[in-house]
Amino acid sequence: MAGPQPLGDPAPPDGILPVSAALGASDRDFGVYLHVPFCRVRCGYCDFNTYTATELRGVKQSDYAGQAVLEVEAAGRILEDSGLPAREASTVFFGGGTPTLLPAEHLARMLQSVRSVWGIAPGAEVTTEANPDSVDAAYLGRLAEAGFTRVSFGMQSAVPSVLATLERTHDPERVPLVVRWARDAGLDVSLDLIYGTPGETLADWRASLEHAIAQAPDHLSAYSLIVEEGTKLARQIRRGELVQPDEDLQADFYELADDLLAAAGYSWYEVSNWATDDAHRSRHNLAYWRSQDWWGVGPGAHSHIGGVRWWNVKHPAAYADRVLSGQSPAAGRETLDAATREVERVLLLSRIREGIPVASLSAEGRREVAGLIADELVDGAAAIGGSIELTLRGRLLADAVVRRLTD
């Protein structure tokens, strides 16, 4: 299970937001994230807030959709009582965990609650994550009928030995099947990959990329494996059973991904994400990077409305107790001050291809631009045109760029 909650102030039992959260809300997009905290098995590298059947202790997966609906309904009342204007959801994202461990009808019920409470904007992006071995053609068809538009498959790798180290349970040969079934249902497709698994070679990573590209997904994510404290993977590395991922090799993995994806017609639009065109960028994730508003539903889910951030209680049993008793499931929250919001703005926008307007930086940040160009971290022509856009080297050292722009 995931680590401790963030530090923050206690959240009020009624969930009412401070007046500041409503300021400028009509100019921000609104999205909904629904967390489904269930997995068939726990992968050794994962520190997400997820639970296998033996860890649920007194709550059932079959009851979860009804509990999530209660939070959605309460959220609608809380936003209204907090003075927030009515806004349709421009994106909806089901993440986990493995949302598709639940029956398709349960996901449809949760989506219908969003539609009933807020409405879903015309052309909205509605995504669910899925493991390749958790869906079939009929399941994906039912999702499409319910209003889903997109599915993101956790492929991770095409190499059996890498999947085994990650403790993923699917056969890589199932990926072409689920992609075809999703296409047949009319769904857009994203594939998620992980690089830098202990023991993974550059040849392994090339094979995974080529297998993913061969499926012609609309969107592809490639994330560097991070060894999180408290996970089984961290313990295996500490005991010497597995080797710590090498940072230089991970940079080689990233450069290979960028080369192969560009050659296949994909363009990067965020440090870890590529799409066939602008229409197939993940609009939900772009809303995070652009500091828009979203309500996170479910155990451990995080929300952000107008500079107020909060997070729900983590265990499904505690979550069920809260929503069934009519209380807000929020465990804590913080109201971001101006300085924190500025650092986060730079941190998030710098990851996007369009970058940050130079004019929006502090005087200290603007003075750093020439040095960043000289160090080949920022595109010089773009900076002269008024935008901080990362080079390939800059993407590999994005955190260092942010520090220089905000220190």
Protein backbone atom coordinates (compact mmCIF):
# COMPACT_ATOMS: atom_id res chain seq x y z
CA MET A 1 0.00 0.00 0.00
CA ALA A 2 1.02 3.62 -0.46
CA GLY A 3 2.96 5.66 2.06
CA PRO A 4 1.72 8.31 4.48
CA GLN A 5 -0.61 11.16 3.57
CA PRO A 6 0.79 14.65 2.81
CA LEU A 7 1.07 17.14 5.63
CA GLY A 8 -1.71 19.69 5.69
CA ASP A 9 -4.52 21.23 7.64
CA PRO A 10 -7.51 19.17 8.80
CA ALA A 11 -10.32 19.18 6.23
CA PRO A 12 -13.75 20.27 7.51
CA PRO A 13 -16.33 17.46 7.81
CA ASP A 14 -18.66 19.26 5.40
CA GLY A 15 -15.91 19.76 2.79
CA ILE A 16 -16.83 23.41 2.17
CA LEU A 17 -14.03 25.28 0.35
CA PRO A 18 -12.67 28.72 1.21
CA VAL A 19 -13.97 31.71 -0.73
CA SER A 20 -10.68 31.98 -2.62
CA ALA A 21 -11.35 28.71 -4.47
CA ALA A 22 -14.16 30.27 -6.47
CA LEU A 23 -12.14 33.23 -7.76
CA GLY A 24 -11.70 32.98 -11.53
CA ALA A 25 -13.31 29.53 -11.66
CA SER A 26 -15.32 30.31 -14.79
CA ASP A 27 -12.03 30.70 -16.68
CA ARG A 28 -10.74 27.26 -15.68
CA ASP A 29 -11.62 23.85 -17.07
CA PHE A 30 -13.15 21.28 -14.73
CA GLY A 31 -12.26 17.60 -14.79
CA VAL A 32 -13.17 14.56 -12.71
CA TYR A 33 -10.80 11.78 -11.66
CA LEU A 34 -12.33 8.57 -10.30
CA HIS A 35 -9.92 6.31 -8.43
CA VAL A 36 -10.65 2.58 -8.40
CA PRO A 37 -8.26 1.23 -5.75
CA PHE A 38 -8.34 -2.49 -6.61
CA CYS A 39 -5.71 -4.75 -8.15
CA ARG A 40 -5.65 -8.48 -8.71
CA VAL A 41 -2.00 -8.61 -7.55
CA ARG A 42 0.36 -5.98 -6.20
CA CYS A 43 3.24 -5.15 -8.54
CA GLY A 44 6.52 -4.85 -6.65
CA TYR A 45 7.37 -1.38 -7.97
CA CYS A 46 3.99 0.25 -7.32
CA ASP A 47 3.31 2.64 -4.43
CA PHE A 48 -0.14 3.77 -5.59
CA ASN A 49 -3.06 3.59 -3.18
CA THR A 50 -4.29 0.16 -4.25
CA TYR A 51 -5.51 -2.98 -2.50
CA THR A 52 -5.79 -6.65 -3.33
CA ALA A 53 -8.78 -8.67 -2.16
CA THR A 54 -7.00 -9.82 1.02
CA GLU A 55 -6.28 -6.22 2.06
CA LEU A 56 -9.83 -4.84 1.94
CA ARG A 57 -10.83 -5.85 5.50
CA GLY A 58 -14.60 -5.61 5.69
CA VAL A 59 -15.41 -3.82 2.42
CA LYS A 60 -16.33 -5.35 -0.93
CA GLN A 61 -15.40 -4.32 -4.45
CA SER A 62 -19.01 -4.87 -5.44
CA ASP A 63 -20.11 -1.98 -3.16
CA TYR A 64 -17.57 0.51 -4.41
CA ALA A 65 -19.43 2.07 -7.35
CA GLY A 66 -22.30 3.07 -5.07
CA GLN A 67 -19.89 4.69 -2.62
CA ALA A 68 -18.16 6.64 -5.39
CA VAL A 69 -21.55 7.85 -6.62
CA LEU A 70 -22.27 9.18 -3.13
CA GLU A 71 -19.07 11.22 -3.22
CA VAL A 72 -19.89 12.61 -6.68
CA GLU A 73 -23.32 13.66 -5.47
CA ALA A 74 -21.84 15.25 -2.33
CA ALA A 75 -19.18 16.99 -4.43
CA GLY A 76 -21.85 18.67 -6.50
CA ARG A 77 -23.46 20.08 -3.35
CA ILE A 78 -20.11 21.14 -1.87
CA LEU A 79 -19.06 23.07 -4.97
CA GLU A 80 -22.45 24.79 -5.15
CA ASP A 81 -22.39 25.68 -1.45
CA SER A 82 -18.82 26.98 -1.87
CA GLY A 83 -19.94 29.43 -4.53
CA LEU A 84 -18.36 27.65 -7.50
CA PRO A 85 -20.12 28.20 -10.84
CA ALA A 86 -21.74 25.21 -12.51
CA ARG A 87 -19.28 23.70 -15.00
CA GLU A 88 -19.57 20.62 -17.17
CA ALA A 89 -16.76 18.10 -16.96
CA SER A 90 -14.44 18.56 -19.92
CA THR A 91 -12.52 15.39 -19.06
CA VAL A 92 -13.23 12.31 -16.95
CA PHE A 93 -10.51 9.81 -16.07
CA PHE A 94 -10.84 6.44 -14.31
CA GLY A 95 -7.50 5.41 -12.80
CA GLY A 96 -6.23 3.00 -10.23
CA GLY A 97 -5.48 0.35 -9.42
CA THR A 98 -7.22 -1.44 -12.23
CA PRO A 99 -10.61 0.18 -12.89
CA THR A 100 -11.55 -2.64 -15.26
CA LEU A 101 -11.52 -5.17 -12.43
CA LEU A 102 -15.02 -3.81 -11.79
CA PRO A 103 -17.86 -4.82 -14.12
CA ALA A 104 -18.29 -2.41 -17.03
CA GLU A 105 -21.74 -1.59 -15.68
CA HIS A 106 -20.18 -0.28 -12.46
CA LEU A 107 -17.90 2.09 -14.36
CA ALA A 108 -20.89 3.16 -16.45
CA ARG A 109 -22.84 3.90 -13.25
CA MET A 110 -20.03 6.06 -11.92
CA LEU A 111 -19.78 7.92 -15.22
CA GLN A 112 -23.53 8.47 -15.26
CA SER A 113 -23.30 10.09 -11.83
CA VAL A 114 -20.80 12.63 -13.22
CA ARG A 115 -23.18 13.27 -16.11
CA SER A 116 -26.14 13.71 -13.77
CA VAL A 117 -24.39 16.01 -11.27
CA TRP A 118 -22.26 18.23 -13.52
CA GLY A 119 -22.96 17.24 -17.08
CA ILE A 120 -20.29 16.14 -19.53
CA ALA A 121 -19.26 18.68 -22.15
CA PRO A 122 -19.80 17.85 -25.83
CA GLY A 123 -16.68 16.17 -27.18
CA ALA A 124 -15.34 15.50 -23.68
CA GLU A 125 -12.50 13.03 -23.25
CA VAL A 126 -13.55 10.06 -21.08
CA THR A 127 -10.72 7.62 -20.34
CA THR A 128 -10.20 4.47 -18.34
CA GLU A 129 -6.97 2.73 -17.55
CA ALA A 130 -6.96 -1.03 -18.13
CA ASN A 131 -4.61 -3.96 -17.91
CA PRO A 132 -4.45 -6.02 -21.12
CA ASP A 133 -5.68 -9.10 -19.27
CA SER A 134 -8.62 -7.31 -17.57
CA VAL A 135 -10.85 -6.68 -20.62
CA ASP A 136 -12.28 -8.43 -23.64
CA ALA A 137 -14.09 -7.21 -26.75
CA ALA A 138 -17.54 -7.26 -25.12
CA TYR A 139 -16.32 -5.31 -22.08
CA LEU A 140 -14.77 -2.59 -24.24
CA GLY A 141 -17.94 -2.38 -26.30
CA ARG A 142 -19.99 -1.78 -23.15
CA LEU A 143 -17.63 1.03 -22.11
CA ALA A 144 -18.04 2.72 -25.48
CA GLU A 145 -21.83 2.44 -25.23
CA ALA A 146 -21.67 4.10 -21.79
CA GLY A 147 -19.82 7.13 -23.16
CA PHE A 148 -16.15 6.26 -22.76
CA THR A 149 -14.01 7.61 -25.60
CA ARG A 150 -10.52 6.37 -24.76
CA VAL A 151 -8.68 3.51 -23.05
CA SER A 152 -5.11 3.55 -21.73
CA PHE A 153 -3.55 0.08 -21.57
CA GLY A 154 -0.76 -0.65 -19.10
CA MET A 155 1.53 -2.48 -21.52
CA GLN A 156 4.76 -1.56 -19.64
CA SER A 157 6.98 -3.89 -21.73
CA ALA A 158 6.88 -6.47 -24.52
CA VAL A 159 9.70 -8.53 -22.99
CA PRO A 160 8.55 -11.40 -20.73
CA SER A 161 11.59 -11.19 -18.42
CA VAL A 162 11.01 -7.46 -17.85
CA LEU A 163 7.31 -8.03 -17.17
CA ALA A 164 8.25 -10.75 -14.70
CA THR A 165 10.59 -8.40 -12.80
CA LEU A 166 7.78 -5.82 -12.68
CA GLU A 167 5.36 -8.61 -11.62
CA ARG A 168 2.96 -7.78 -14.42
CA THR A 169 0.60 -10.65 -15.17
CA HIS A 170 -0.34 -10.20 -18.83
CA ASP A 171 1.08 -11.92 -21.91
CA PRO A 172 2.61 -9.28 -24.25
CA GLU A 173 0.94 -11.02 -27.17
CA ARG A 174 -2.42 -9.95 -25.77
CA VAL A 175 -1.67 -6.29 -26.44
CA PRO A 176 -2.48 -6.44 -30.19
CA LEU A 177 -5.78 -8.14 -29.35
CA VAL A 178 -6.98 -5.54 -26.85
CA VAL A 179 -5.91 -2.69 -29.13
CA ARG A 180 -7.93 -4.18 -31.98
CA TRP A 181 -10.96 -4.74 -29.74
CA ALA A 182 -10.76 -1.15 -28.51
CA ARG A 183 -10.55 0.12 -32.09
CA ASP A 184 -13.52 -2.03 -33.09
CA ALA A 185 -15.49 -0.44 -30.24
CA GLY A 186 -14.62 3.04 -31.49
CA LEU A 187 -12.26 3.90 -28.63
CA ASP A 188 -9.01 5.87 -28.92
CA VAL A 189 -6.00 3.94 -27.61
CA SER A 190 -3.02 4.88 -25.46
CA LEU A 191 -0.23 2.50 -24.43
CA ASP A 192 1.80 3.04 -21.25
CA LEU A 193 5.42 1.85 -21.08
CA ILE A 194 8.01 1.80 -18.29
CA TYR A 195 11.76 1.88 -18.90
CA GLY A 196 14.71 1.28 -16.62
CA THR A 197 13.54 -1.96 -15.00
CA PRO A 198 16.45 -3.74 -13.28
CA GLY A 199 18.06 -6.05 -15.83
CA GLU A 200 16.40 -4.40 -18.83
CA THR A 201 18.77 -3.82 -21.75
CA LEU A 202 18.64 -1.23 -24.50
CA ALA A 203 17.72 -4.06 -26.89
CA ASP A 204 14.82 -5.04 -24.59
CA TRP A 205 13.57 -1.46 -24.58
CA ARG A 206 13.85 -1.20 -28.37
CA ALA A 207 11.77 -4.38 -28.70
CA SER A 208 9.08 -2.93 -26.41
CA LEU A 209 8.97 0.35 -28.32
CA GLU A 210 8.78 -1.38 -31.68
CA HIS A 211 6.01 -3.67 -30.44
CA ALA A 212 4.06 -0.68 -29.12
CA ILE A 213 4.53 1.35 -32.31
CA ALA A 214 3.39 -1.61 -34.40
CA GLN A 215 -0.03 -1.39 -32.73
CA ALA A 216 -0.40 2.21 -34.02
CA PRO A 217 -1.82 3.68 -30.80
CA ASP A 218 -3.01 7.28 -30.86
CA HIS A 219 -0.94 8.10 -27.80
CA LEU A 220 2.02 6.60 -25.97
CA SER A 221 3.49 7.29 -22.53
CA ALA A 222 6.99 6.25 -21.50
CA TYR A 223 7.83 6.64 -17.82
CA SER A 224 11.17 6.10 -16.13
CA LEU A 225 10.94 3.51 -13.36
CA ILE A 226 11.24 5.19 -9.97
CA VAL A 227 12.19 3.04 -7.00
CA GLU A 228 9.79 4.17 -4.28
CA GLU A 229 10.61 3.65 -0.61
CA GLY A 230 8.44 1.04 1.06
CA THR A 231 7.87 -1.02 -2.09
CA LYS A 232 8.91 -4.62 -2.62
CA LEU A 233 11.23 -3.45 -5.42
CA ALA A 234 13.08 -1.12 -3.03
CA ARG A 235 13.57 -4.00 -0.60
CA GLN A 236 14.84 -6.28 -3.38
CA ILE A 237 17.40 -3.67 -4.43
CA ARG A 238 18.46 -3.03 -0.84
CA ARG A 239 19.04 -6.79 -0.36
CA GLY A 240 21.07 -6.99 -3.57
CA GLU A 241 18.54 -9.21 -5.35
CA LEU A 242 18.06 -6.60 -8.09
CA VAL A 243 20.29 -3.80 -9.36
CA GLN A 244 19.43 -0.13 -8.87
CA PRO A 245 18.40 1.40 -12.22
CA ASP A 246 21.29 3.28 -13.82
CA GLU A 247 20.59 6.97 -14.54
CA ASP A 248 22.84 7.13 -17.60
CA LEU A 249 21.18 4.05 -19.08
CA GLN A 250 17.76 5.54 -18.38
CA ALA A 251 18.80 8.63 -20.36
CA ASP A 252 19.78 6.32 -23.23
CA PHE A 253 16.35 4.66 -22.98
CA TYR A 254 14.62 8.04 -23.19
CA GLU A 255 16.65 9.19 -26.19
CA LEU A 256 15.89 5.94 -28.01
CA ALA A 257 12.19 6.36 -27.30
CA ASP A 258 12.21 9.90 -28.64
CA ASP A 259 14.08 8.83 -31.79
CA LEU A 260 11.86 5.85 -32.60
CA LEU A 261 8.62 7.63 -31.80
CA ALA A 262 9.52 10.68 -33.87
CA ALA A 263 10.44 8.42 -36.81
CA ALA A 264 7.04 6.73 -36.45
CA GLY A 265 5.17 10.03 -36.63
CA TYR A 266 4.65 10.73 -32.91
CA SER A 267 5.35 14.15 -31.43
CA TRP A 268 6.26 14.75 -27.81
CA TYR A 269 3.94 17.18 -26.07
CA GLU A 270 4.96 16.53 -22.46
CA VAL A 271 8.24 15.11 -21.19
CA SER A 272 6.88 11.55 -20.91
CA ASN A 273 4.09 11.64 -23.49
CA TRP A 274 3.79 11.47 -27.27
CA ALA A 275 0.76 11.62 -29.57
CA THR A 276 0.00 11.26 -33.26
CA ASP A 277 -1.47 14.77 -33.34
CA ASP A 278 -2.83 17.48 -31.06
CA ALA A 279 -6.30 15.93 -31.01
CA HIS A 280 -4.92 12.79 -29.33
CA ARG A 281 -3.01 14.47 -26.52
CA SER A 282 -4.33 13.49 -23.09
CA ARG A 283 -6.54 16.48 -22.31
CA HIS A 284 -7.08 15.25 -18.76
CA ASN A 285 -3.36 15.18 -17.99
CA LEU A 286 -2.86 18.52 -19.74
CA ALA A 287 -5.40 19.97 -17.30
CA TYR A 288 -3.14 18.84 -14.42
CA TRP A 289 -0.05 20.39 -16.00
CA ARG A 290 -1.96 23.63 -16.65
CA SER A 291 -3.23 23.81 -13.03
CA GLN A 292 -6.90 23.59 -13.97
CA ASP A 293 -9.60 22.35 -11.56
CA TRP A 294 -10.46 18.74 -10.88
CA TRP A 295 -12.33 16.72 -8.29
CA GLY A 296 -10.74 13.42 -7.31
CA VAL A 297 -13.21 10.73 -6.23
CA GLY A 298 -12.26 7.69 -4.18
CA PRO A 299 -9.87 6.52 -1.44
CA GLY A 300 -6.67 8.55 -1.43
CA ALA A 301 -7.76 10.66 -4.43
CA HIS A 302 -6.41 14.21 -4.66
CA SER A 303 -8.38 17.26 -5.81
CA HIS A 304 -7.51 20.82 -6.77
CA ILE A 305 -9.89 23.76 -7.05
CA GLY A 306 -8.55 27.30 -7.41
CA GLY A 307 -5.35 26.82 -5.43
CA VAL A 308 -6.96 24.65 -2.75
CA ARG A 309 -5.68 21.07 -2.75
CA TRP A 310 -7.04 18.21 -0.67
CA TRP A 311 -6.82 14.45 -0.39
CA ASN A 312 -9.18 11.73 0.75
CA VAL A 313 -8.71 9.12 3.46
CA LYS A 314 -6.76 6.24 1.99
CA HIS A 315 -8.25 2.90 3.02
CA PRO A 316 -11.47 1.81 1.27
CA ALA A 317 -13.04 0.97 4.63
CA ALA A 318 -12.39 4.45 6.05
CA TYR A 319 -13.63 5.96 2.79
CA ALA A 320 -16.83 3.90 2.91
CA ASP A 321 -17.48 4.95 6.51
CA ARG A 322 -17.17 8.63 5.58
CA VAL A 323 -19.35 8.68 2.48
CA LEU A 324 -22.03 6.38 3.92
CA SER A 325 -22.34 8.64 6.98
CA GLY A 326 -22.66 11.78 4.86
CA GLN A 327 -19.25 13.19 5.78
CA SER A 328 -16.65 14.49 3.37
CA PRO A 329 -13.98 11.81 2.79
CA ALA A 330 -11.28 14.51 2.75
CA ALA A 331 -8.50 13.80 5.26
CA GLY A 332 -6.54 17.02 4.88
CA ARG A 333 -6.02 20.02 2.65
CA GLU A 334 -3.85 23.04 1.97
CA THR A 335 -4.37 26.43 0.42
CA LEU A 336 -1.36 27.20 -1.73
CA ASP A 337 0.28 30.57 -1.23
CA ALA A 338 1.34 32.72 -4.17
CA ALA A 339 4.98 31.62 -4.04
CA THR A 340 4.10 27.92 -4.03
CA ARG A 341 1.63 28.36 -6.88
CA GLU A 342 4.29 30.12 -8.94
CA VAL A 343 6.86 27.36 -8.43
CA GLU A 344 4.25 24.75 -9.34
CA ARG A 345 3.22 26.74 -12.41
CA VAL A 346 6.78 26.78 -13.71
CA LEU A 347 7.37 23.15 -12.73
CA LEU A 348 4.29 21.92 -14.58
CA LEU A 349 4.24 24.18 -17.63
CA SER A 350 7.93 23.62 -18.31
CA ARG A 351 7.15 19.97 -19.01
CA ILE A 352 4.79 20.82 -21.88
CA ARG A 353 6.11 21.36 -25.41
CA GLU A 354 4.60 24.87 -25.65
CA GLY A 355 6.51 25.80 -22.52
CA ILE A 356 6.28 28.95 -20.42
CA PRO A 357 5.98 32.54 -21.67
CA VAL A 358 9.26 34.28 -20.86
CA ALA A 359 7.34 37.40 -19.88
CA SER A 360 5.51 35.47 -17.16
CA LEU A 361 8.73 34.62 -15.32
CA SER A 362 10.13 36.63 -12.43
CA ALA A 363 12.98 39.02 -13.15
CA GLU A 364 15.38 36.47 -11.64
CA GLY A 365 13.97 33.73 -13.86
CA ARG A 366 14.29 35.85 -17.00
CA ARG A 367 17.96 36.46 -16.21
CA GLU A 368 18.55 32.69 -16.31
CA VAL A 369 17.25 32.26 -19.85
CA ALA A 370 20.49 33.14 -21.66
CA GLY A 371 22.42 30.62 -19.56
CA LEU A 372 19.84 27.92 -20.20
CA ILE A 373 20.17 28.53 -23.95
CA ALA A 374 23.96 28.37 -23.71
CA ASP A 375 23.71 25.08 -21.80
CA GLU A 376 21.45 23.71 -24.57
CA LEU A 377 18.60 23.12 -22.12
CA VAL A 378 16.19 25.59 -23.75
CA ASP A 379 15.49 26.17 -27.44
CA GLY A 380 17.11 29.48 -28.39
CA ALA A 381 14.80 30.42 -31.26
CA ALA A 382 11.72 29.72 -29.17
CA ALA A 383 13.09 31.81 -26.28
CA ILE A 384 13.76 34.73 -28.61
CA GLY A 385 10.15 34.32 -29.74
CA GLY A 386 9.02 34.58 -26.12
CA SER A 387 8.62 30.97 -24.94
CA ILE A 388 10.71 28.67 -22.75
CA GLU A 389 10.70 25.32 -24.59
CA LEU A 390 12.89 22.42 -23.51
CA THR A 391 15.40 20.80 -25.83
CA LEU A 392 15.93 17.03 -25.70
CA ARG A 393 18.76 17.64 -23.22
CA GLY A 394 16.43 19.96 -21.30
CA ARG A 395 13.79 17.26 -21.04
CA LEU A 396 16.37 14.93 -19.50
CA LEU A 397 17.31 17.66 -16.99
CA ALA A 398 13.87 19.27 -16.55
CA ASP A 399 14.12 19.51 -12.76
CA ALA A 400 17.39 21.44 -13.04
CA VAL A 401 15.76 23.88 -15.48
CA VAL A 402 12.93 24.51 -13.03
CA ARG A 403 15.34 25.15 -10.17
CA ARG A 404 17.20 27.75 -12.21
CA LEU A 405 13.98 29.49 -13.25
CA THR A 406 12.54 29.62 -9.72
CA ASP A 407 15.50 29.94 -7.31
